[in-house]
């Protein structure tokens, strides 16, 4: 492996770990924001999950993230991962506004 290939591989790993960390931050900030009066979940799928799964609403999200993380090595292009990381940065930033 060349130095350039190692650098790309390292960036991919950082992006994967960032995606996982942002997912945890999303769950934590969502729980915290929803505990305050006047806040609600905007994502209808997650609102449905919260209504029917209660305090373990995040389990389907963890399963989906686990599936996504398992399939990432088979995706040749990096842009889907970078889009997902950017998307979760925006979600966590938005949640943080309500803390």
PDB file of N, CA and C in Angstrom:
ATOM      1  N   UNK A   1       0.832  -1.178   0.000  1.00  0.00           N
ATOM      2  CA  UNK A   1       0.000   0.000   0.000  1.00  0.00           C
ATOM      3  C   UNK A   1       0.878   1.244   0.000  1.00  0.00           C
ATOM      4  N   UNK A   2       0.530   2.186  -0.827  1.00  0.00           N
ATOM      5  CA  UNK A   2       1.300   3.427  -0.888  1.00  0.00           C
ATOM      6  C   UNK A   2       0.871   4.356   0.247  1.00  0.00           C
ATOM      7  N   UNK A   3       1.645   5.412   0.419  1.00  0.00           N
ATOM      8  CA  UNK A   3       1.331   6.381   1.467  1.00  0.00           C
ATOM      9  C   UNK A   3      -0.012   7.053   1.201  1.00  0.00           C
ATOM     10  N   UNK A   4      -0.313   7.324  -0.059  1.00  0.00           N
ATOM     11  CA  UNK A   4      -1.592   7.956  -0.407  1.00  0.00           C
ATOM     12  C   UNK A   4      -2.760   7.029  -0.092  1.00  0.00           C
ATOM     13  N   UNK A   5      -2.601   5.739  -0.379  1.00  0.00           N
ATOM     14  CA  UNK A   5      -3.663   4.778  -0.079  1.00  0.00           C
ATOM     15  C   UNK A   5      -3.877   4.651   1.427  1.00  0.00           C
ATOM     16  N   UNK A   6      -2.788   4.691   2.188  1.00  0.00           N
ATOM     17  CA  UNK A   6      -2.902   4.636   3.643  1.00  0.00           C
ATOM     18  C   UNK A   6      -3.613   5.871   4.187  1.00  0.00           C
ATOM     19  N   UNK A   7      -3.316   7.028   3.603  1.00  0.00           N
ATOM     20  CA  UNK A   7      -3.967   8.262   4.048  1.00  0.00           C
ATOM     21  C   UNK A   7      -5.466   8.208   3.772  1.00  0.00           C
ATOM     22  N   UNK A   8      -5.860   7.701   2.608  1.00  0.00           N
ATOM     23  CA  UNK A   8      -7.283   7.569   2.278  1.00  0.00           C
ATOM     24  C   UNK A   8      -7.941   6.573   3.216  1.00  0.00           C
ATOM     25  N   UNK A   9      -7.272   5.455   3.467  1.00  0.00           N
ATOM     26  CA  UNK A   9      -7.806   4.440   4.375  1.00  0.00           C
ATOM     27  C   UNK A   9      -7.991   5.023   5.778  1.00  0.00           C
ATOM     28  N   UNK A  10      -7.025   5.813   6.232  1.00  0.00           N
ATOM     29  CA  UNK A  10      -7.094   6.425   7.550  1.00  0.00           C
ATOM     30  C   UNK A  10      -8.266   7.412   7.618  1.00  0.00           C
ATOM     31  N   UNK A  11      -8.470   8.202   6.560  1.00  0.00           N
ATOM     32  CA  UNK A  11      -9.596   9.134   6.534  1.00  0.00           C
ATOM     33  C   UNK A  11     -10.924   8.393   6.580  1.00  0.00           C
ATOM     34  N   UNK A  12     -10.999   7.271   5.899  1.00  0.00           N
ATOM     35  CA  UNK A  12     -12.223   6.472   5.936  1.00  0.00           C
ATOM     36  C   UNK A  12     -12.509   5.977   7.349  1.00  0.00           C
ATOM     37  N   UNK A  13     -11.477   5.526   8.032  1.00  0.00           N
ATOM     38  CA  UNK A  13     -11.668   5.050   9.405  1.00  0.00           C
ATOM     39  C   UNK A  13     -12.100   6.184  10.320  1.00  0.00           C
ATOM     40  N   UNK A  14     -11.494   7.340  10.163  1.00  0.00           N
ATOM     41  CA  UNK A  14     -11.885   8.495  10.979  1.00  0.00           C
ATOM     42  C   UNK A  14     -13.344   8.855  10.710  1.00  0.00           C
ATOM     43  N   UNK A  15     -13.740   8.843   9.444  1.00  0.00           N
ATOM     44  CA  UNK A  15     -15.128   9.162   9.098  1.00  0.00           C
ATOM     45  C   UNK A  15     -16.087   8.122   9.676  1.00  0.00           C
ATOM     46  N   UNK A  16     -15.704   6.859   9.662  1.00  0.00           N
ATOM     47  CA  UNK A  16     -16.562   5.810  10.240  1.00  0.00           C
ATOM     48  C   UNK A  16     -16.730   5.997  11.742  1.00  0.00           C
ATOM     49  N   UNK A  17     -15.627   6.278  12.424  1.00  0.00           N
ATOM     50  CA  UNK A  17     -15.716   6.491  13.866  1.00  0.00           C
ATOM     51  C   UNK A  17     -16.486   7.767  14.177  1.00  0.00           C
ATOM     52  N   UNK A  18     -16.307   8.781  13.352  1.00  0.00           N
ATOM     53  CA  UNK A  18     -17.067  10.023  13.537  1.00  0.00           C
ATOM     54  C   UNK A  18     -18.551   9.754  13.367  1.00  0.00           C
ATOM     55  N   UNK A  19     -18.905   8.937  12.398  1.00  0.00           N
ATOM     56  CA  UNK A  19     -20.316   8.587  12.158  1.00  0.00           C
ATOM     57  C   UNK A  19     -20.905   7.898  13.385  1.00  0.00           C
ATOM     58  N   UNK A  20     -20.163   6.969  13.956  1.00  0.00           N
ATOM     59  CA  UNK A  20     -20.634   6.285  15.166  1.00  0.00           C
ATOM     60  C   UNK A  20     -20.748   7.228  16.353  1.00  0.00           C
ATOM     61  N   UNK A  21     -19.754   8.077  16.535  1.00  0.00           N
ATOM     62  CA  UNK A  21     -19.783   9.028  17.648  1.00  0.00           C
ATOM     63  C   UNK A  21     -20.919  10.029  17.481  1.00  0.00           C
ATOM     64  N   UNK A  22     -21.153  10.471  16.257  1.00  0.00           N
ATOM     65  CA  UNK A  22     -22.246  11.402  16.007  1.00  0.00           C
ATOM     66  C   UNK A  22     -23.604  10.741  16.237  1.00  0.00           C
ATOM     67  N   UNK A  23     -23.693   9.462  15.964  1.00  0.00           N
ATOM     68  CA  UNK A  23     -24.944   8.739  16.220  1.00  0.00           C
ATOM     69  C   UNK A  23     -25.245   8.720  17.712  1.00  0.00           C
ATOM     70  N   UNK A  24     -24.229   8.450  18.518  1.00  0.00           N
ATOM     71  CA  UNK A  24     -24.395   8.468  19.973  1.00  0.00           C
ATOM     72  C   UNK A  24     -24.766   9.874  20.435  1.00  0.00           C
ATOM     73  N   UNK A  25     -24.084  10.876  19.893  1.00  0.00           N
ATOM     74  CA  UNK A  25     -24.390  12.260  20.252  1.00  0.00           C
ATOM     75  C   UNK A  25     -25.816  12.627  19.851  1.00  0.00           C
ATOM     76  N   UNK A  26     -26.284  12.108  18.716  1.00  0.00           N
ATOM     77  CA  UNK A  26     -27.652  12.367  18.282  1.00  0.00           C
ATOM     78  C   UNK A  26     -28.652  11.811  19.290  1.00  0.00           C
ATOM     79  N   UNK A  27     -28.449  10.589  19.727  1.00  0.00           N
ATOM     80  CA  UNK A  27     -29.365   9.978  20.700  1.00  0.00           C
ATOM     81  C   UNK A  27     -29.352  10.763  22.012  1.00  0.00           C
ATOM     82  N   UNK A  28     -28.164  11.105  22.492  1.00  0.00           N
ATOM     83  CA  UNK A  28     -28.063  11.814  23.770  1.00  0.00           C
ATOM     84  C   UNK A  28     -28.673  13.210  23.701  1.00  0.00           C
ATOM     85  N   UNK A  29     -28.358  13.946  22.637  1.00  0.00           N
ATOM     86  CA  UNK A  29     -28.911  15.301  22.522  1.00  0.00           C
ATOM     87  C   UNK A  29     -30.410  15.274  22.262  1.00  0.00           C
ATOM     88  N   UNK A  30     -30.874  14.266  21.530  1.00  0.00           N
ATOM     89  CA  UNK A  30     -32.325  14.141  21.305  1.00  0.00           C
ATOM     90  C   UNK A  30     -33.038  13.881  22.625  1.00  0.00           C
ATOM     91  N   UNK A  31     -32.528  12.954  23.414  1.00  0.00           N
ATOM     92  CA  UNK A  31     -33.143  12.672  24.722  1.00  0.00           C
ATOM     93  C   UNK A  31     -33.170  13.919  25.592  1.00  0.00           C
ATOM     94  N   UNK A  32     -32.066  14.629  25.604  1.00  0.00           N
ATOM     95  CA  UNK A  32     -31.970  15.820  26.449  1.00  0.00           C
ATOM     96  C   UNK A  32     -32.925  16.911  25.950  1.00  0.00           C
ATOM     97  N   UNK A  33     -32.955  17.138  24.650  1.00  0.00           N
ATOM     98  CA  UNK A  33     -33.818  18.183  24.093  1.00  0.00           C
ATOM     99  C   UNK A  33     -35.294  17.847  24.281  1.00  0.00           C
ATOM    100  N   UNK A  34     -35.644  16.575  24.117  1.00  0.00           N
ATOM    101  CA  UNK A  34     -37.050  16.188  24.255  1.00  0.00           C
ATOM    102  C   UNK A  34     -37.522  16.210  25.709  1.00  0.00           C
ATOM    103  N   UNK A  35     -36.589  16.205  26.645  1.00  0.00           N
ATOM    104  CA  UNK A  35     -36.965  16.287  28.057  1.00  0.00           C
ATOM    105  C   UNK A  35     -37.451  17.688  28.409  1.00  0.00           C
ATOM    106  N   UNK A  36     -37.060  18.682  27.622  1.00  0.00           N
ATOM    107  CA  UNK A  36     -37.495  20.062  27.865  1.00  0.00           C
ATOM    108  C   UNK A  36     -38.902  20.256  27.296  1.00  0.00           C
ATOM    109  N   UNK A  37     -39.718  21.019  27.972  1.00  0.00           N
ATOM    110  CA  UNK A  37     -41.082  21.233  27.466  1.00  0.00           C
ATOM    111  C   UNK A  37     -41.086  22.030  26.162  1.00  0.00           C
ATOM    112  N   UNK A  38     -42.011  21.699  25.290  1.00  0.00           N
ATOM    113  CA  UNK A  38     -42.162  22.422  24.037  1.00  0.00           C
ATOM    114  C   UNK A  38     -41.346  21.880  22.878  1.00  0.00           C
ATOM    115  N   UNK A  39     -40.568  20.840  23.091  1.00  0.00           N
ATOM    116  CA  UNK A  39     -39.767  20.237  22.023  1.00  0.00           C
ATOM    117  C   UNK A  39     -40.398  18.917  21.595  1.00  0.00           C
ATOM    118  N   UNK A  40     -40.265  18.573  20.332  1.00  0.00           N
ATOM    119  CA  UNK A  40     -40.788  17.316  19.833  1.00  0.00           C
ATOM    120  C   UNK A  40     -39.892  16.813  18.711  1.00  0.00           C
ATOM    121  N   UNK A  41     -40.031  15.552  18.410  1.00  0.00           N
ATOM    122  CA  UNK A  41     -39.249  14.911  17.348  1.00  0.00           C
ATOM    123  C   UNK A  41     -39.843  15.292  15.992  1.00  0.00           C
ATOM    124  N   UNK A  42     -39.009  15.809  15.108  1.00  0.00           N
ATOM    125  CA  UNK A  42     -39.473  16.214  13.781  1.00  0.00           C
ATOM    126  C   UNK A  42     -39.505  15.058  12.781  1.00  0.00           C
ATOM    127  N   UNK A  43     -38.660  14.057  12.988  1.00  0.00           N
ATOM    128  CA  UNK A  43     -38.611  12.911  12.085  1.00  0.00           C
ATOM    129  C   UNK A  43     -39.812  12.007  12.395  1.00  0.00           C
ATOM    130  N   UNK A  44     -40.752  11.851  11.450  1.00  0.00           N
ATOM    131  CA  UNK A  44     -41.956  11.058  11.747  1.00  0.00           C
ATOM    132  C   UNK A  44     -41.657   9.591  12.041  1.00  0.00           C
ATOM    133  N   UNK A  45     -40.632   9.044  11.433  1.00  0.00           N
ATOM    134  CA  UNK A  45     -40.286   7.641  11.696  1.00  0.00           C
ATOM    135  C   UNK A  45     -39.772   7.493  13.123  1.00  0.00           C
ATOM    136  N   UNK A  46     -38.917   8.405  13.555  1.00  0.00           N
ATOM    137  CA  UNK A  46     -38.388   8.330  14.919  1.00  0.00           C
ATOM    138  C   UNK A  46     -39.485   8.671  15.925  1.00  0.00           C
ATOM    139  N   UNK A  47     -40.390   9.593  15.578  1.00  0.00           N
ATOM    140  CA  UNK A  47     -41.500   9.898  16.482  1.00  0.00           C
ATOM    141  C   UNK A  47     -42.375   8.660  16.679  1.00  0.00           C
ATOM    142  N   UNK A  48     -42.626   7.924  15.608  1.00  0.00           N
ATOM    143  CA  UNK A  48     -43.398   6.677  15.701  1.00  0.00           C
ATOM    144  C   UNK A  48     -42.662   5.665  16.587  1.00  0.00           C
ATOM    145  N   UNK A  49     -41.358   5.533  16.362  1.00  0.00           N
ATOM    146  CA  UNK A  49     -40.553   4.599  17.158  1.00  0.00           C
ATOM    147  C   UNK A  49     -40.572   4.995  18.632  1.00  0.00           C
ATOM    148  N   UNK A  50     -40.453   6.287  18.901  1.00  0.00           N
ATOM    149  CA  UNK A  50     -40.479   6.758  20.285  1.00  0.00           C
ATOM    150  C   UNK A  50     -41.820   6.461  20.941  1.00  0.00           C
ATOM    151  N   UNK A  51     -42.889   6.630  20.182  1.00  0.00           N
ATOM    152  CA  UNK A  51     -44.228   6.396  20.734  1.00  0.00           C
ATOM    153  C   UNK A  51     -44.476   4.925  21.021  1.00  0.00           C
ATOM    154  N   UNK A  52     -43.899   4.041  20.214  1.00  0.00           N
ATOM    155  CA  UNK A  52     -44.189   2.616  20.363  1.00  0.00           C
ATOM    156  C   UNK A  52     -43.104   1.826  21.103  1.00  0.00           C
ATOM    157  N   UNK A  53     -41.893   2.325  21.131  1.00  0.00           N
ATOM    158  CA  UNK A  53     -40.811   1.609  21.799  1.00  0.00           C
ATOM    159  C   UNK A  53     -40.453   2.210  23.155  1.00  0.00           C
ATOM    160  N   UNK A  54     -40.933   3.402  23.441  1.00  0.00           N
ATOM    161  CA  UNK A  54     -40.662   4.021  24.738  1.00  0.00           C
ATOM    162  C   UNK A  54     -39.203   4.406  24.903  1.00  0.00           C
ATOM    163  N   UNK A  55     -38.653   4.079  26.058  1.00  0.00           N
ATOM    164  CA  UNK A  55     -37.301   4.528  26.387  1.00  0.00           C
ATOM    165  C   UNK A  55     -36.211   3.845  25.559  1.00  0.00           C
ATOM    166  N   UNK A  56     -36.545   2.767  24.896  1.00  0.00           N
ATOM    167  CA  UNK A  56     -35.545   2.096  24.047  1.00  0.00           C
ATOM    168  C   UNK A  56     -35.776   2.416  22.559  1.00  0.00           C
ATOM    169  N   UNK A  57     -36.293   3.606  22.297  1.00  0.00           N
ATOM    170  CA  UNK A  57     -36.581   4.039  20.929  1.00  0.00           C
ATOM    171  C   UNK A  57     -35.348   4.028  20.040  1.00  0.00           C
ATOM    172  N   UNK A  58     -34.205   4.102  20.639  1.00  0.00           N
ATOM    173  CA  UNK A  58     -32.962   4.200  19.886  1.00  0.00           C
ATOM    174  C   UNK A  58     -32.455   2.846  19.384  1.00  0.00           C
ATOM    175  N   UNK A  59     -33.027   1.736  19.828  1.00  0.00           N
ATOM    176  CA  UNK A  59     -32.557   0.424  19.382  1.00  0.00           C
ATOM    177  C   UNK A  59     -32.664   0.212  17.866  1.00  0.00           C
ATOM    178  N   UNK A  60     -33.784   0.564  17.222  1.00  0.00           N
ATOM    179  CA  UNK A  60     -33.810   0.421  15.761  1.00  0.00           C
ATOM    180  C   UNK A  60     -32.765   1.287  15.065  1.00  0.00           C
ATOM    181  N   UNK A  61     -32.485   2.438  15.651  1.00  0.00           N
ATOM    182  CA  UNK A  61     -31.470   3.328  15.088  1.00  0.00           C
ATOM    183  C   UNK A  61     -30.089   2.675  15.192  1.00  0.00           C
ATOM    184  N   UNK A  62     -29.818   2.040  16.314  1.00  0.00           N
ATOM    185  CA  UNK A  62     -28.545   1.339  16.497  1.00  0.00           C
ATOM    186  C   UNK A  62     -28.418   0.194  15.491  1.00  0.00           C
ATOM    187  N   UNK A  63     -29.505  -0.530  15.282  1.00  0.00           N
ATOM    188  CA  UNK A  63     -29.482  -1.626  14.309  1.00  0.00           C
ATOM    189  C   UNK A  63     -29.208  -1.105  12.903  1.00  0.00           C
ATOM    190  N   UNK A  64     -29.829  -0.002  12.543  1.00  0.00           N
ATOM    191  CA  UNK A  64     -29.609   0.589  11.229  1.00  0.00           C
ATOM    192  C   UNK A  64     -28.179   1.077  11.072  1.00  0.00           C
ATOM    193  N   UNK A  65     -27.641   1.685  12.100  1.00  0.00           N
ATOM    194  CA  UNK A  65     -26.256   2.157  12.050  1.00  0.00           C
ATOM    195  C   UNK A  65     -25.300   0.972  11.972  1.00  0.00           C
ATOM    196  N   UNK A  66     -25.591  -0.078  12.719  1.00  0.00           N
ATOM    197  CA  UNK A  66     -24.750  -1.279  12.646  1.00  0.00           C
ATOM    198  C   UNK A  66     -24.736  -1.867  11.247  1.00  0.00           C
ATOM    199  N   UNK A  67     -25.907  -1.909  10.626  1.00  0.00           N
ATOM    200  CA  UNK A  67     -25.991  -2.391   9.247  1.00  0.00           C
ATOM    201  C   UNK A  67     -25.195  -1.483   8.311  1.00  0.00           C
ATOM    202  N   UNK A  68     -25.353  -0.182   8.481  1.00  0.00           N
ATOM    203  CA  UNK A  68     -24.623   0.769   7.627  1.00  0.00           C
ATOM    204  C   UNK A  68     -23.120   0.629   7.816  1.00  0.00           C
ATOM    205  N   UNK A  69     -22.675   0.475   9.050  1.00  0.00           N
ATOM    206  CA  UNK A  69     -21.237   0.337   9.311  1.00  0.00           C
ATOM    207  C   UNK A  69     -20.701  -0.970   8.717  1.00  0.00           C
ATOM    208  N   UNK A  70     -21.521  -2.023   8.749  1.00  0.00           N
ATOM    209  CA  UNK A  70     -21.086  -3.305   8.189  1.00  0.00           C
ATOM    210  C   UNK A  70     -20.988  -3.264   6.668  1.00  0.00           C
ATOM    211  N   UNK A  71     -21.821  -2.449   6.030  1.00  0.00           N
ATOM    212  CA  UNK A  71     -21.795  -2.391   4.562  1.00  0.00           C
ATOM    213  C   UNK A  71     -20.779  -1.388   4.027  1.00  0.00           C
ATOM    214  N   UNK A  72     -20.276  -0.497   4.863  1.00  0.00           N
ATOM    215  CA  UNK A  72     -19.345   0.533   4.383  1.00  0.00           C
ATOM    216  C   UNK A  72     -18.103  -0.021   3.689  1.00  0.00           C
ATOM    217  N   UNK A  73     -17.502  -1.097   4.169  1.00  0.00           N
ATOM    218  CA  UNK A  73     -16.310  -1.590   3.469  1.00  0.00           C
ATOM    219  C   UNK A  73     -16.580  -2.018   2.024  1.00  0.00           C
ATOM    220  N   UNK A  74     -17.831  -2.286   1.704  1.00  0.00           N
ATOM    221  CA  UNK A  74     -18.158  -2.745   0.359  1.00  0.00           C
ATOM    222  C   UNK A  74     -18.552  -1.609  -0.579  1.00  0.00           C
ATOM    223  N   UNK A  75     -18.633  -0.416  -0.059  1.00  0.00           N
ATOM    224  CA  UNK A  75     -18.958   0.742  -0.883  1.00  0.00           C
ATOM    225  C   UNK A  75     -17.657   1.359  -1.362  1.00  0.00           C
ATOM    226  N   UNK A  76     -17.480   1.442  -2.651  1.00  0.00           N
ATOM    227  CA  UNK A  76     -16.218   1.927  -3.205  1.00  0.00           C
ATOM    228  C   UNK A  76     -16.072   3.442  -3.136  1.00  0.00           C
ATOM    229  N   UNK A  77     -17.171   4.133  -3.223  1.00  0.00           N
ATOM    230  CA  UNK A  77     -17.106   5.594  -3.208  1.00  0.00           C
ATOM    231  C   UNK A  77     -17.215   6.104  -1.772  1.00  0.00           C
ATOM    232  N   UNK A  78     -16.489   7.180  -1.497  1.00  0.00           N
ATOM    233  CA  UNK A  78     -16.483   7.736  -0.148  1.00  0.00           C
ATOM    234  C   UNK A  78     -17.594   8.737   0.086  1.00  0.00           C
ATOM    235  N   UNK A  79     -18.168   9.310  -0.946  1.00  0.00           N
ATOM    236  CA  UNK A  79     -19.115  10.402  -0.747  1.00  0.00           C
ATOM    237  C   UNK A  79     -20.346  10.012   0.076  1.00  0.00           C
ATOM    238  N   UNK A  80     -20.880   8.774  -0.011  1.00  0.00           N
ATOM    239  CA  UNK A  80     -22.043   8.485   0.841  1.00  0.00           C
ATOM    240  C   UNK A  80     -21.723   8.596   2.338  1.00  0.00           C
ATOM    241  N   UNK A  81     -20.540   8.151   2.720  1.00  0.00           N
ATOM    242  CA  UNK A  81     -20.137   8.249   4.126  1.00  0.00           C
ATOM    243  C   UNK A  81     -19.959   9.704   4.526  1.00  0.00           C
ATOM    244  N   UNK A  82     -19.347  10.493   3.658  1.00  0.00           N
ATOM    245  CA  UNK A  82     -19.125  11.903   3.975  1.00  0.00           C
ATOM    246  C   UNK A  82     -20.457  12.659   4.071  1.00  0.00           C
ATOM    247  N   UNK A  83     -21.401  12.316   3.218  1.00  0.00           N
ATOM    248  CA  UNK A  83     -22.732  12.936   3.290  1.00  0.00           C
ATOM    249  C   UNK A  83     -23.407  12.559   4.608  1.00  0.00           C
ATOM    250  N   UNK A  84     -23.302  11.297   4.997  1.00  0.00           N
ATOM    251  CA  UNK A  84     -23.909  10.847   6.254  1.00  0.00           C
ATOM    252  C   UNK A  84     -23.279  11.563   7.446  1.00  0.00           C
ATOM    253  N   UNK A  85     -21.968  11.709   7.446  1.00  0.00           N
ATOM    254  CA  UNK A  85     -21.291  12.413   8.541  1.00  0.00           C
ATOM    255  C   UNK A  85     -21.745  13.872   8.577  1.00  0.00           C
ATOM    256  N   UNK A  86     -21.793  14.522   7.433  1.00  0.00           N
ATOM    257  CA  UNK A  86     -22.256  15.913   7.381  1.00  0.00           C
ATOM    258  C   UNK A  86     -23.689  16.054   7.853  1.00  0.00           C
ATOM    259  N   UNK A  87     -24.531  15.102   7.460  1.00  0.00           N
ATOM    260  CA  UNK A  87     -25.932  15.103   7.875  1.00  0.00           C
ATOM    261  C   UNK A  87     -26.040  15.003   9.392  1.00  0.00           C
ATOM    262  N   UNK A  88     -25.288  14.114  10.000  1.00  0.00           N
ATOM    263  CA  UNK A  88     -25.363  13.958  11.451  1.00  0.00           C
ATOM    264  C   UNK A  88     -24.718  15.106  12.198  1.00  0.00           C
ATOM    265  N   UNK A  89     -23.736  15.764  11.607  1.00  0.00           N
ATOM    266  CA  UNK A  89     -23.198  16.982  12.225  1.00  0.00           C
ATOM    267  C   UNK A  89     -24.310  18.022  12.311  1.00  0.00           C
ATOM    268  N   UNK A  90     -25.074  18.169  11.224  1.00  0.00           N
ATOM    269  CA  UNK A  90     -26.181  19.134  11.221  1.00  0.00           C
ATOM    270  C   UNK A  90     -27.257  18.753  12.232  1.00  0.00           C
ATOM    271  N   UNK A  91     -27.570  17.462  12.336  1.00  0.00           N
ATOM    272  CA  UNK A  91     -28.587  17.016  13.299  1.00  0.00           C
ATOM    273  C   UNK A  91     -28.149  17.295  14.739  1.00  0.00           C
ATOM    274  N   UNK A  92     -26.919  16.943  15.059  1.00  0.00           N
ATOM    275  CA  UNK A  92     -26.431  17.150  16.425  1.00  0.00           C
ATOM    276  C   UNK A  92     -26.335  18.640  16.722  1.00  0.00           C
ATOM    277  N   UNK A  93     -25.912  19.436  15.750  1.00  0.00           N
ATOM    278  CA  UNK A  93     -25.857  20.885  15.943  1.00  0.00           C
ATOM    279  C   UNK A  93     -27.250  21.443  16.198  1.00  0.00           C
ATOM    280  N   UNK A  94     -28.235  20.974  15.431  1.00  0.00           N
ATOM    281  CA  UNK A  94     -29.606  21.420  15.629  1.00  0.00           C
ATOM    282  C   UNK A  94     -30.118  21.007  17.009  1.00  0.00           C
ATOM    283  N   UNK A  95     -29.876  19.774  17.394  1.00  0.00           N
ATOM    284  CA  UNK A  95     -30.297  19.319  18.725  1.00  0.00           C
ATOM    285  C   UNK A  95     -29.652  20.142  19.831  1.00  0.00           C
ATOM    286  N   UNK A  96     -28.405  20.521  19.601  1.00  0.00           N
ATOM    287  CA  UNK A  96     -27.670  21.281  20.617  1.00  0.00           C
ATOM    288  C   UNK A  96     -28.266  22.669  20.844  1.00  0.00           C
ATOM    289  N   UNK A  97     -28.967  23.186  19.856  1.00  0.00           N
ATOM    290  CA  UNK A  97     -29.617  24.486  20.021  1.00  0.00           C
ATOM    291  C   UNK A  97     -30.694  24.450  21.087  1.00  0.00           C
ATOM    292  N   UNK A  98     -31.233  23.269  21.358  1.00  0.00           N
ATOM    293  CA  UNK A  98     -32.344  23.131  22.292  1.00  0.00           C
ATOM    294  C   UNK A  98     -31.933  22.580  23.641  1.00  0.00           C
ATOM    295  N   UNK A  99     -30.656  22.513  23.906  1.00  0.00           N
ATOM    296  CA  UNK A  99     -30.188  21.999  25.204  1.00  0.00           C
ATOM    297  C   UNK A  99     -30.215  23.072  26.254  1.00  0.00           C
TER     298      UNK A  99
END
